[in-house]
Amino acid sequence: MAIGIKVRDKESIDRALRRFKRKVNRARVLREYRESLAFNKPSDVRREARKEAAKKARRASRRYY
């Protein structure tokens, strides 16, 4: 997955770097990289998925009183 930006005319390097960092964060490149560094047992992956689903369900139930 290649992520890049083109520096616009009269755009400072700092602003271009900020745009690049934002784009990388939104694409979750670093998160995927860190997750691939260590092996996760399938049972742990399922446990985390269930935990996330429960968290999302709680958030959704709070929205609709």
C-alpha atoms as a PDB file:
ATOM      1  CA  MET A   1       0.000   0.000   0.000  1.00  0.00           C
ATOM      2  CA  ALA A   2       1.721   3.145  -1.183  1.00  0.00           C
ATOM      3  CA  ILE A   3       0.643   6.444   0.292  1.00  0.00           C
ATOM      4  CA  GLY A   4       1.978   9.670  -1.030  1.00  0.00           C
ATOM      5  CA  ILE A   5       1.116  13.294  -1.510  1.00  0.00           C
ATOM      6  CA  LYS A   6       2.166  15.910  -3.988  1.00  0.00           C
ATOM      7  CA  VAL A   7       3.473  19.166  -2.605  1.00  0.00           C
ATOM      8  CA  ARG A   8       1.301  21.957  -3.942  1.00  0.00           C
ATOM      9  CA  ASP A   9       2.567  25.236  -5.319  1.00  0.00           C
ATOM     10  CA  LYS A  10       3.669  27.625  -2.579  1.00  0.00           C
ATOM     11  CA  GLU A  11       2.995  25.009   0.099  1.00  0.00           C
ATOM     12  CA  SER A  12       5.497  24.741   2.914  1.00  0.00           C
ATOM     13  CA  ILE A  13       7.159  21.428   3.636  1.00  0.00           C
ATOM     14  CA  ASP A  14       5.727  21.511   7.166  1.00  0.00           C
ATOM     15  CA  ARG A  15       2.174  21.713   5.874  1.00  0.00           C
ATOM     16  CA  ALA A  16       2.822  18.963   3.326  1.00  0.00           C
ATOM     17  CA  LEU A  17       4.324  16.764   6.048  1.00  0.00           C
ATOM     18  CA  ARG A  18       1.252  17.382   8.222  1.00  0.00           C
ATOM     19  CA  ARG A  19      -1.013  16.343   5.330  1.00  0.00           C
ATOM     20  CA  PHE A  20       1.073  13.204   4.806  1.00  0.00           C
ATOM     21  CA  LYS A  21       0.929  12.251   8.489  1.00  0.00           C
ATOM     22  CA  ARG A  22      -2.840  12.758   8.538  1.00  0.00           C
ATOM     23  CA  LYS A  23      -3.233  10.592   5.451  1.00  0.00           C
ATOM     24  CA  VAL A  24      -1.108   7.823   6.982  1.00  0.00           C
ATOM     25  CA  ASN A  25      -3.130   7.939  10.212  1.00  0.00           C
ATOM     26  CA  ARG A  26      -6.437   7.756   8.368  1.00  0.00           C
ATOM     27  CA  ALA A  27      -5.217   4.798   6.319  1.00  0.00           C
ATOM     28  CA  ARG A  28      -4.170   3.020   9.542  1.00  0.00           C
ATOM     29  CA  VAL A  29      -0.838   2.026   8.034  1.00  0.00           C
ATOM     30  CA  LEU A  30       1.080   2.111  11.306  1.00  0.00           C
ATOM     31  CA  ARG A  31      -1.622   0.172  13.164  1.00  0.00           C
ATOM     32  CA  GLU A  32      -1.484  -2.630  10.599  1.00  0.00           C
ATOM     33  CA  TYR A  33       2.311  -2.630  10.743  1.00  0.00           C
ATOM     34  CA  ARG A  34       2.364  -2.911  14.541  1.00  0.00           C
ATOM     35  CA  GLU A  35      -0.232  -5.666  14.481  1.00  0.00           C
ATOM     36  CA  SER A  36       1.870  -7.675  12.055  1.00  0.00           C
ATOM     37  CA  LEU A  37       4.996  -7.459  14.220  1.00  0.00           C
ATOM     38  CA  ALA A  38       3.808 -10.090  16.678  1.00  0.00           C
ATOM     39  CA  PHE A  39       1.720 -13.186  16.182  1.00  0.00           C
ATOM     40  CA  ASN A  40      -1.743 -13.125  17.721  1.00  0.00           C
ATOM     41  CA  LYS A  41      -3.489 -16.348  18.543  1.00  0.00           C
ATOM     42  CA  PRO A  42      -6.783 -16.791  16.684  1.00  0.00           C
ATOM     43  CA  SER A  43      -8.615 -17.075  20.011  1.00  0.00           C
ATOM     44  CA  ASP A  44      -7.174 -13.715  21.093  1.00  0.00           C
ATOM     45  CA  VAL A  45      -8.230 -12.138  17.813  1.00  0.00           C
ATOM     46  CA  ARG A  46     -11.782 -13.447  18.263  1.00  0.00           C
ATOM     47  CA  ARG A  47     -11.844 -12.249  21.871  1.00  0.00           C
ATOM     48  CA  GLU A  48     -10.781  -8.753  20.815  1.00  0.00           C
ATOM     49  CA  ALA A  49     -13.394  -8.731  18.053  1.00  0.00           C
ATOM     50  CA  ARG A  50     -16.138  -9.688  20.533  1.00  0.00           C
ATOM     51  CA  LYS A  51     -14.918  -7.011  22.921  1.00  0.00           C
ATOM     52  CA  GLU A  52     -15.015  -4.373  20.154  1.00  0.00           C
ATOM     53  CA  ALA A  53     -18.490  -5.482  19.074  1.00  0.00           C
ATOM     54  CA  ALA A  54     -19.792  -5.150  22.638  1.00  0.00           C
ATOM     55  CA  LYS A  55     -18.218  -1.715  22.907  1.00  0.00           C
ATOM     56  CA  LYS A  56     -19.842  -0.597  19.646  1.00  0.00           C
ATOM     57  CA  ALA A  57     -23.199  -1.974  20.777  1.00  0.00           C
ATOM     58  CA  ARG A  58     -22.983  -0.005  24.030  1.00  0.00           C
ATOM     59  CA  ARG A  59     -22.162   3.161  22.112  1.00  0.00           C
ATOM     60  CA  ALA A  60     -25.050   2.587  19.707  1.00  0.00           C
ATOM     61  CA  SER A  61     -27.517   1.982  22.521  1.00  0.00           C
ATOM     62  CA  ARG A  62     -26.479   5.256  24.181  1.00  0.00           C
ATOM     63  CA  ARG A  63     -27.329   7.251  21.061  1.00  0.00           C
ATOM     64  CA  TYR A  64     -30.947   6.159  20.867  1.00  0.00           C
ATOM     65  CA  TYR A  65     -32.295   6.729  24.332  1.00  0.00           C
END
